[in-house]
């Protein structure tokens, strides 16, 4: 990030901007790989993140709380002159 910021401080050429972007992309890929490996190892040890099914179950509980909400439309009478 620091190298990319330094590149942007001056008046970089398109080639310099592309080189900085490539470095950031490579670093991002390494970070994603490390996060993926950490997630995979936590899944094998039982620390798996919640699945979509868990989120859906939580969503239905929230929906039941809002049963008193009424969806309605209205017309502003003063606008019809």
PDB file of N, CA and C in Angstrom:
ATOM      1  N   UNK A   1       0.832  -1.180   0.000  1.00  0.00           N
ATOM      2  CA  UNK A   1       0.000   0.000   0.000  1.00  0.00           C
ATOM      3  C   UNK A   1       0.881   1.250   0.000  1.00  0.00           C
ATOM      4  N   UNK A   2       1.921   1.222   0.800  1.00  0.00           N
ATOM      5  CA  UNK A   2       2.781   2.391   0.897  1.00  0.00           C
ATOM      6  C   UNK A   2       3.436   2.704  -0.444  1.00  0.00           C
ATOM      7  N   UNK A   3       3.876   1.666  -1.147  1.00  0.00           N
ATOM      8  CA  UNK A   3       4.491   1.886  -2.461  1.00  0.00           C
ATOM      9  C   UNK A   3       3.487   2.477  -3.443  1.00  0.00           C
ATOM     10  N   UNK A   4       2.261   2.003  -3.395  1.00  0.00           N
ATOM     11  CA  UNK A   4       1.232   2.525  -4.297  1.00  0.00           C
ATOM     12  C   UNK A   4       0.929   3.983  -3.973  1.00  0.00           C
ATOM     13  N   UNK A   5       0.888   4.314  -2.690  1.00  0.00           N
ATOM     14  CA  UNK A   5       0.643   5.704  -2.300  1.00  0.00           C
ATOM     15  C   UNK A   5       1.775   6.609  -2.765  1.00  0.00           C
ATOM     16  N   UNK A   6       3.014   6.117  -2.645  1.00  0.00           N
ATOM     17  CA  UNK A   6       4.156   6.904  -3.112  1.00  0.00           C
ATOM     18  C   UNK A   6       4.063   7.151  -4.611  1.00  0.00           C
ATOM     19  N   UNK A   7       3.631   6.124  -5.343  1.00  0.00           N
ATOM     20  CA  UNK A   7       3.491   6.254  -6.789  1.00  0.00           C
ATOM     21  C   UNK A   7       2.474   7.328  -7.126  1.00  0.00           C
ATOM     22  N   UNK A   8       1.386   7.392  -6.382  1.00  0.00           N
ATOM     23  CA  UNK A   8       0.327   8.360  -6.651  1.00  0.00           C
ATOM     24  C   UNK A   8       0.689   9.786  -6.244  1.00  0.00           C
ATOM     25  N   UNK A   9       1.681   9.959  -5.367  1.00  0.00           N
ATOM     26  CA  UNK A   9       2.045  11.297  -4.899  1.00  0.00           C
ATOM     27  C   UNK A   9       2.630  12.162  -6.011  1.00  0.00           C
ATOM     28  N   UNK A  10       3.374  11.583  -6.882  1.00  0.00           N
ATOM     29  CA  UNK A  10       3.977  12.356  -7.966  1.00  0.00           C
ATOM     30  C   UNK A  10       3.055  12.397  -9.169  1.00  0.00           C
ATOM     31  N   UNK A  11       3.646  12.502 -10.319  1.00  0.00           N
ATOM     32  CA  UNK A  11       2.893  12.440 -11.570  1.00  0.00           C
ATOM     33  C   UNK A  11       3.339  11.171 -12.287  1.00  0.00           C
ATOM     34  N   UNK A  12       2.750  10.044 -11.904  1.00  0.00           N
ATOM     35  CA  UNK A  12       3.219   8.767 -12.437  1.00  0.00           C
ATOM     36  C   UNK A  12       2.805   8.560 -13.888  1.00  0.00           C
ATOM     37  N   UNK A  13       3.634   7.805 -14.565  1.00  0.00           N
ATOM     38  CA  UNK A  13       3.315   7.431 -15.947  1.00  0.00           C
ATOM     39  C   UNK A  13       2.333   6.263 -15.903  1.00  0.00           C
ATOM     40  N   UNK A  14       1.671   5.995 -16.994  1.00  0.00           N
ATOM     41  CA  UNK A  14       0.770   4.842 -17.024  1.00  0.00           C
ATOM     42  C   UNK A  14       1.477   3.528 -16.672  1.00  0.00           C
ATOM     43  N   UNK A  15       2.718   3.391 -17.082  1.00  0.00           N
ATOM     44  CA  UNK A  15       3.479   2.177 -16.771  1.00  0.00           C
ATOM     45  C   UNK A  15       3.711   2.055 -15.271  1.00  0.00           C
ATOM     46  N   UNK A  16       4.016   3.179 -14.611  1.00  0.00           N
ATOM     47  CA  UNK A  16       4.225   3.160 -13.161  1.00  0.00           C
ATOM     48  C   UNK A  16       2.919   2.816 -12.432  1.00  0.00           C
ATOM     49  N   UNK A  17       1.806   3.360 -12.919  1.00  0.00           N
ATOM     50  CA  UNK A  17       0.508   3.044 -12.314  1.00  0.00           C
ATOM     51  C   UNK A  17       0.178   1.561 -12.474  1.00  0.00           C
ATOM     52  N   UNK A  18       0.442   1.011 -13.639  1.00  0.00           N
ATOM     53  CA  UNK A  18       0.183  -0.408 -13.870  1.00  0.00           C
ATOM     54  C   UNK A  18       1.054  -1.290 -12.988  1.00  0.00           C
ATOM     55  N   UNK A  19       2.317  -0.902 -12.813  1.00  0.00           N
ATOM     56  CA  UNK A  19       3.219  -1.673 -11.955  1.00  0.00           C
ATOM     57  C   UNK A  19       2.726  -1.645 -10.508  1.00  0.00           C
ATOM     58  N   UNK A  20       2.292  -0.483 -10.037  1.00  0.00           N
ATOM     59  CA  UNK A  20       1.779  -0.369  -8.671  1.00  0.00           C
ATOM     60  C   UNK A  20       0.509  -1.203  -8.513  1.00  0.00           C
ATOM     61  N   UNK A  21      -0.355  -1.186  -9.528  1.00  0.00           N
ATOM     62  CA  UNK A  21      -1.587  -1.976  -9.488  1.00  0.00           C
ATOM     63  C   UNK A  21      -1.268  -3.463  -9.441  1.00  0.00           C
ATOM     64  N   UNK A  22      -0.298  -3.883 -10.225  1.00  0.00           N
ATOM     65  CA  UNK A  22       0.091  -5.297 -10.234  1.00  0.00           C
ATOM     66  C   UNK A  22       0.615  -5.738  -8.872  1.00  0.00           C
ATOM     67  N   UNK A  23       1.409  -4.874  -8.220  1.00  0.00           N
ATOM     68  CA  UNK A  23       1.920  -5.204  -6.888  1.00  0.00           C
ATOM     69  C   UNK A  23       0.778  -5.344  -5.894  1.00  0.00           C
ATOM     70  N   UNK A  24      -0.197  -4.431  -5.962  1.00  0.00           N
ATOM     71  CA  UNK A  24      -1.347  -4.500  -5.066  1.00  0.00           C
ATOM     72  C   UNK A  24      -2.181  -5.752  -5.332  1.00  0.00           C
ATOM     73  N   UNK A  25      -2.335  -6.093  -6.594  1.00  0.00           N
ATOM     74  CA  UNK A  25      -3.096  -7.287  -6.950  1.00  0.00           C
ATOM     75  C   UNK A  25      -2.413  -8.538  -6.414  1.00  0.00           C
ATOM     76  N   UNK A  26      -1.103  -8.622  -6.558  1.00  0.00           N
ATOM     77  CA  UNK A  26      -0.355  -9.779  -6.062  1.00  0.00           C
ATOM     78  C   UNK A  26      -0.472  -9.872  -4.538  1.00  0.00           C
ATOM     79  N   UNK A  27      -0.362  -8.737  -3.856  1.00  0.00           N
ATOM     80  CA  UNK A  27      -0.486  -8.735  -2.397  1.00  0.00           C
ATOM     81  C   UNK A  27      -1.894  -9.139  -1.973  1.00  0.00           C
ATOM     82  N   UNK A  28      -2.885  -8.678  -2.707  1.00  0.00           N
ATOM     83  CA  UNK A  28      -4.274  -9.035  -2.414  1.00  0.00           C
ATOM     84  C   UNK A  28      -4.502 -10.535  -2.579  1.00  0.00           C
ATOM     85  N   UNK A  29      -3.922 -11.113  -3.605  1.00  0.00           N
ATOM     86  CA  UNK A  29      -4.067 -12.550  -3.832  1.00  0.00           C
ATOM     87  C   UNK A  29      -3.413 -13.347  -2.711  1.00  0.00           C
ATOM     88  N   UNK A  30      -2.257 -12.891  -2.238  1.00  0.00           N
ATOM     89  CA  UNK A  30      -1.587 -13.568  -1.131  1.00  0.00           C
ATOM     90  C   UNK A  30      -2.431 -13.477   0.134  1.00  0.00           C
ATOM     91  N   UNK A  31      -3.021 -12.325   0.376  1.00  0.00           N
ATOM     92  CA  UNK A  31      -3.880 -12.145   1.540  1.00  0.00           C
ATOM     93  C   UNK A  31      -5.103 -13.045   1.457  1.00  0.00           C
ATOM     94  N   UNK A  32      -5.734 -13.098   0.301  1.00  0.00           N
ATOM     95  CA  UNK A  32      -6.908 -13.948   0.118  1.00  0.00           C
ATOM     96  C   UNK A  32      -6.558 -15.416   0.319  1.00  0.00           C
ATOM     97  N   UNK A  33      -5.410 -15.816  -0.168  1.00  0.00           N
ATOM     98  CA  UNK A  33      -4.963 -17.201   0.000  1.00  0.00           C
ATOM     99  C   UNK A  33      -4.762 -17.531   1.479  1.00  0.00           C
ATOM    100  N   UNK A  34      -4.140 -16.620   2.210  1.00  0.00           N
ATOM    101  CA  UNK A  34      -3.923 -16.842   3.638  1.00  0.00           C
ATOM    102  C   UNK A  34      -5.252 -16.909   4.387  1.00  0.00           C
ATOM    103  N   UNK A  35      -6.192 -16.044   4.016  1.00  0.00           N
ATOM    104  CA  UNK A  35      -7.504 -16.063   4.664  1.00  0.00           C
ATOM    105  C   UNK A  35      -8.245 -17.360   4.342  1.00  0.00           C
ATOM    106  N   UNK A  36      -8.144 -17.829   3.114  1.00  0.00           N
ATOM    107  CA  UNK A  36      -8.793 -19.060   2.707  1.00  0.00           C
ATOM    108  C   UNK A  36      -8.229 -20.238   3.483  1.00  0.00           C
ATOM    109  N   UNK A  37      -6.901 -20.280   3.607  1.00  0.00           N
ATOM    110  CA  UNK A  37      -6.262 -21.370   4.351  1.00  0.00           C
ATOM    111  C   UNK A  37      -6.669 -21.331   5.820  1.00  0.00           C
ATOM    112  N   UNK A  38      -6.733 -20.138   6.401  1.00  0.00           N
ATOM    113  CA  UNK A  38      -7.136 -20.012   7.801  1.00  0.00           C
ATOM    114  C   UNK A  38      -8.579 -20.457   7.980  1.00  0.00           C
ATOM    115  N   UNK A  39      -9.449 -20.107   7.044  1.00  0.00           N
ATOM    116  CA  UNK A  39     -10.849 -20.505   7.112  1.00  0.00           C
ATOM    117  C   UNK A  39     -10.985 -22.015   6.955  1.00  0.00           C
ATOM    118  N   UNK A  40     -10.207 -22.601   6.062  1.00  0.00           N
ATOM    119  CA  UNK A  40     -10.270 -24.041   5.843  1.00  0.00           C
ATOM    120  C   UNK A  40      -9.789 -24.788   7.083  1.00  0.00           C
ATOM    121  N   UNK A  41      -8.773 -24.291   7.738  1.00  0.00           N
ATOM    122  CA  UNK A  41      -8.275 -24.968   8.926  1.00  0.00           C
ATOM    123  C   UNK A  41      -9.245 -24.817  10.095  1.00  0.00           C
ATOM    124  N   UNK A  42      -9.951 -23.687  10.196  1.00  0.00           N
ATOM    125  CA  UNK A  42     -10.926 -23.533  11.272  1.00  0.00           C
ATOM    126  C   UNK A  42     -12.149 -24.392  11.018  1.00  0.00           C
ATOM    127  N   UNK A  43     -12.467 -24.663   9.752  1.00  0.00           N
ATOM    128  CA  UNK A  43     -13.606 -25.517   9.424  1.00  0.00           C
ATOM    129  C   UNK A  43     -13.324 -26.957   9.833  1.00  0.00           C
ATOM    130  N   UNK A  44     -12.082 -27.388   9.721  1.00  0.00           N
ATOM    131  CA  UNK A  44     -11.749 -28.759  10.095  1.00  0.00           C
ATOM    132  C   UNK A  44     -11.658 -28.923  11.595  1.00  0.00           C
ATOM    133  N   UNK A  45     -11.471 -27.832  12.331  1.00  0.00           N
ATOM    134  CA  UNK A  45     -11.398 -27.907  13.792  1.00  0.00           C
ATOM    135  C   UNK A  45     -12.726 -27.589  14.444  1.00  0.00           C
ATOM    136  N   UNK A  46     -13.773 -27.392  13.658  1.00  0.00           N
ATOM    137  CA  UNK A  46     -15.094 -27.152  14.220  1.00  0.00           C
ATOM    138  C   UNK A  46     -15.452 -25.695  14.361  1.00  0.00           C
ATOM    139  N   UNK A  47     -14.598 -24.790  13.967  1.00  0.00           N
ATOM    140  CA  UNK A  47     -14.891 -23.364  14.077  1.00  0.00           C
ATOM    141  C   UNK A  47     -15.391 -22.786  12.777  1.00  0.00           C
ATOM    142  N   UNK A  48     -16.249 -23.496  12.084  1.00  0.00           N
ATOM    143  CA  UNK A  48     -16.736 -23.054  10.780  1.00  0.00           C
ATOM    144  C   UNK A  48     -17.634 -21.839  10.912  1.00  0.00           C
ATOM    145  N   UNK A  49     -17.575 -20.943   9.931  1.00  0.00           N
ATOM    146  CA  UNK A  49     -18.453 -19.780   9.954  1.00  0.00           C
ATOM    147  C   UNK A  49     -19.887 -20.208   9.686  1.00  0.00           C
ATOM    148  N   UNK A  50     -20.865 -19.354  10.021  1.00  0.00           N
ATOM    149  CA  UNK A  50     -22.259 -19.717   9.788  1.00  0.00           C
ATOM    150  C   UNK A  50     -22.545 -19.897   8.303  1.00  0.00           C
ATOM    151  N   UNK A  51     -23.431 -20.823   8.004  1.00  0.00           N
ATOM    152  CA  UNK A  51     -23.795 -21.074   6.607  1.00  0.00           C
ATOM    153  C   UNK A  51     -24.992 -20.227   6.242  1.00  0.00           C
ATOM    154  N   UNK A  52     -25.371 -20.260   4.975  1.00  0.00           N
ATOM    155  CA  UNK A  52     -26.533 -19.509   4.519  1.00  0.00           C
ATOM    156  C   UNK A  52     -27.797 -19.981   5.215  1.00  0.00           C
ATOM    157  N   UNK A  53     -27.874 -21.264   5.560  1.00  0.00           N
ATOM    158  CA  UNK A  53     -29.036 -21.794   6.256  1.00  0.00           C
ATOM    159  C   UNK A  53     -29.214 -21.145   7.617  1.00  0.00           C
ATOM    160  N   UNK A  54     -28.108 -20.890   8.315  1.00  0.00           N
ATOM    161  CA  UNK A  54     -28.186 -20.223   9.611  1.00  0.00           C
ATOM    162  C   UNK A  54     -28.686 -18.801   9.455  1.00  0.00           C
ATOM    163  N   UNK A  55     -28.230 -18.117   8.423  1.00  0.00           N
ATOM    164  CA  UNK A  55     -28.664 -16.742   8.175  1.00  0.00           C
ATOM    165  C   UNK A  55     -30.135 -16.708   7.803  1.00  0.00           C
ATOM    166  N   UNK A  56     -30.596 -17.704   7.042  1.00  0.00           N
ATOM    167  CA  UNK A  56     -32.002 -17.751   6.643  1.00  0.00           C
ATOM    168  C   UNK A  56     -32.883 -17.992   7.856  1.00  0.00           C
ATOM    169  N   UNK A  57     -32.441 -18.833   8.770  1.00  0.00           N
ATOM    170  CA  UNK A  57     -33.222 -19.098   9.978  1.00  0.00           C
ATOM    171  C   UNK A  57     -33.314 -17.839  10.823  1.00  0.00           C
ATOM    172  N   UNK A  58     -32.236 -17.087  10.907  1.00  0.00           N
ATOM    173  CA  UNK A  58     -32.257 -15.834  11.667  1.00  0.00           C
ATOM    174  C   UNK A  58     -33.173 -14.821  10.993  1.00  0.00           C
ATOM    175  N   UNK A  59     -33.198 -14.818   9.669  1.00  0.00           N
ATOM    176  CA  UNK A  59     -34.051 -13.888   8.934  1.00  0.00           C
ATOM    177  C   UNK A  59     -35.522 -14.158   9.174  1.00  0.00           C
ATOM    178  N   UNK A  60     -35.920 -15.418   9.262  1.00  0.00           N
ATOM    179  CA  UNK A  60     -37.336 -15.726   9.498  1.00  0.00           C
ATOM    180  C   UNK A  60     -37.750 -15.322  10.895  1.00  0.00           C
ATOM    181  N   UNK A  61     -36.857 -15.394  11.854  1.00  0.00           N
ATOM    182  CA  UNK A  61     -37.190 -14.959  13.210  1.00  0.00           C
ATOM    183  C   UNK A  61     -37.434 -13.453  13.225  1.00  0.00           C
ATOM    184  N   UNK A  62     -36.633 -12.704  12.482  1.00  0.00           N
ATOM    185  CA  UNK A  62     -36.823 -11.251  12.409  1.00  0.00           C
ATOM    186  C   UNK A  62     -38.124 -10.908  11.704  1.00  0.00           C
ATOM    187  N   UNK A  63     -38.474 -11.682  10.676  1.00  0.00           N
ATOM    188  CA  UNK A  63     -39.700 -11.410   9.934  1.00  0.00           C
ATOM    189  C   UNK A  63     -40.928 -11.608  10.812  1.00  0.00           C
ATOM    190  N   UNK A  64     -40.909 -12.577  11.700  1.00  0.00           N
ATOM    191  CA  UNK A  64     -42.047 -12.837  12.576  1.00  0.00           C
ATOM    192  C   UNK A  64     -42.260 -11.685  13.546  1.00  0.00           C
ATOM    193  N   UNK A  65     -41.221 -10.988  13.920  1.00  0.00           N
ATOM    194  CA  UNK A  65     -41.339  -9.858  14.838  1.00  0.00           C
ATOM    195  C   UNK A  65     -42.065  -8.681  14.192  1.00  0.00           C
ATOM    196  N   UNK A  66     -42.026  -8.575  12.869  1.00  0.00           N
ATOM    197  CA  UNK A  66     -42.600  -7.440  12.161  1.00  0.00           C
ATOM    198  C   UNK A  66     -44.019  -7.715  11.650  1.00  0.00           C
ATOM    199  N   UNK A  67     -44.751  -8.634  12.262  1.00  0.00           N
ATOM    200  CA  UNK A  67     -46.084  -8.978  11.780  1.00  0.00           C
ATOM    201  C   UNK A  67     -47.067  -7.822  11.888  1.00  0.00           C
ATOM    202  N   UNK A  68     -46.820  -6.848  12.762  1.00  0.00           N
ATOM    203  CA  UNK A  68     -47.730  -5.731  12.932  1.00  0.00           C
ATOM    204  C   UNK A  68     -47.527  -4.618  11.921  1.00  0.00           C
ATOM    205  N   UNK A  69     -46.577  -4.745  11.021  1.00  0.00           N
ATOM    206  CA  UNK A  69     -46.297  -3.713  10.036  1.00  0.00           C
ATOM    207  C   UNK A  69     -47.261  -3.861   8.864  1.00  0.00           C
ATOM    208  N   UNK A  70     -47.868  -2.757   8.442  1.00  0.00           N
ATOM    209  CA  UNK A  70     -48.796  -2.761   7.318  1.00  0.00           C
ATOM    210  C   UNK A  70     -48.195  -1.923   6.198  1.00  0.00           C
ATOM    211  N   UNK A  71     -48.102  -2.513   5.013  1.00  0.00           N
ATOM    212  CA  UNK A  71     -47.596  -1.809   3.848  1.00  0.00           C
ATOM    213  C   UNK A  71     -48.771  -1.090   3.190  1.00  0.00           C
ATOM    214  N   UNK A  72     -48.674   0.210   3.024  1.00  0.00           N
ATOM    215  CA  UNK A  72     -49.798   0.971   2.469  1.00  0.00           C
ATOM    216  C   UNK A  72     -49.292   2.072   1.561  1.00  0.00           C
ATOM    217  N   UNK A  73     -50.180   2.565   0.714  1.00  0.00           N
ATOM    218  CA  UNK A  73     -49.886   3.703  -0.147  1.00  0.00           C
ATOM    219  C   UNK A  73     -50.810   4.842   0.241  1.00  0.00           C
ATOM    220  N   UNK A  74     -50.397   6.056  -0.029  1.00  0.00           N
ATOM    221  CA  UNK A  74     -51.245   7.200   0.266  1.00  0.00           C
ATOM    222  C   UNK A  74     -51.155   8.198  -0.865  1.00  0.00           C
ATOM    223  N   UNK A  75     -52.149   9.058  -0.957  1.00  0.00           N
ATOM    224  CA  UNK A  75     -52.182  10.088  -1.968  1.00  0.00           C
ATOM    225  C   UNK A  75     -52.294  11.418  -1.244  1.00  0.00           C
ATOM    226  N   UNK A  76     -51.444  12.364  -1.601  1.00  0.00           N
ATOM    227  CA  UNK A  76     -51.485  13.706  -1.006  1.00  0.00           C
ATOM    228  C   UNK A  76     -52.573  14.498  -1.716  1.00  0.00           C
ATOM    229  N   UNK A  77     -53.662  14.787  -1.016  1.00  0.00           N
ATOM    230  CA  UNK A  77     -54.837  15.437  -1.600  1.00  0.00           C
ATOM    231  C   UNK A  77     -54.520  16.870  -2.016  1.00  0.00           C
ATOM    232  N   UNK A  78     -53.629  17.525  -1.307  1.00  0.00           N
ATOM    233  CA  UNK A  78     -53.332  18.931  -1.599  1.00  0.00           C
ATOM    234  C   UNK A  78     -52.643  19.102  -2.954  1.00  0.00           C
ATOM    235  N   UNK A  79     -52.018  18.085  -3.486  1.00  0.00           N
ATOM    236  CA  UNK A  79     -51.319  18.200  -4.770  1.00  0.00           C
ATOM    237  C   UNK A  79     -52.296  18.192  -5.957  1.00  0.00           C
ATOM    238  N   UNK A  80     -53.554  17.875  -5.783  1.00  0.00           N
ATOM    239  CA  UNK A  80     -54.518  17.766  -6.893  1.00  0.00           C
ATOM    240  C   UNK A  80     -55.347  19.024  -7.005  1.00  0.00           C
ATOM    241  N   UNK A  81     -54.777  20.138  -7.382  1.00  0.00           N
ATOM    242  CA  UNK A  81     -55.517  21.401  -7.559  1.00  0.00           C
ATOM    243  C   UNK A  81     -55.806  21.638  -8.981  1.00  0.00           C
TER     244      UNK A  81
END
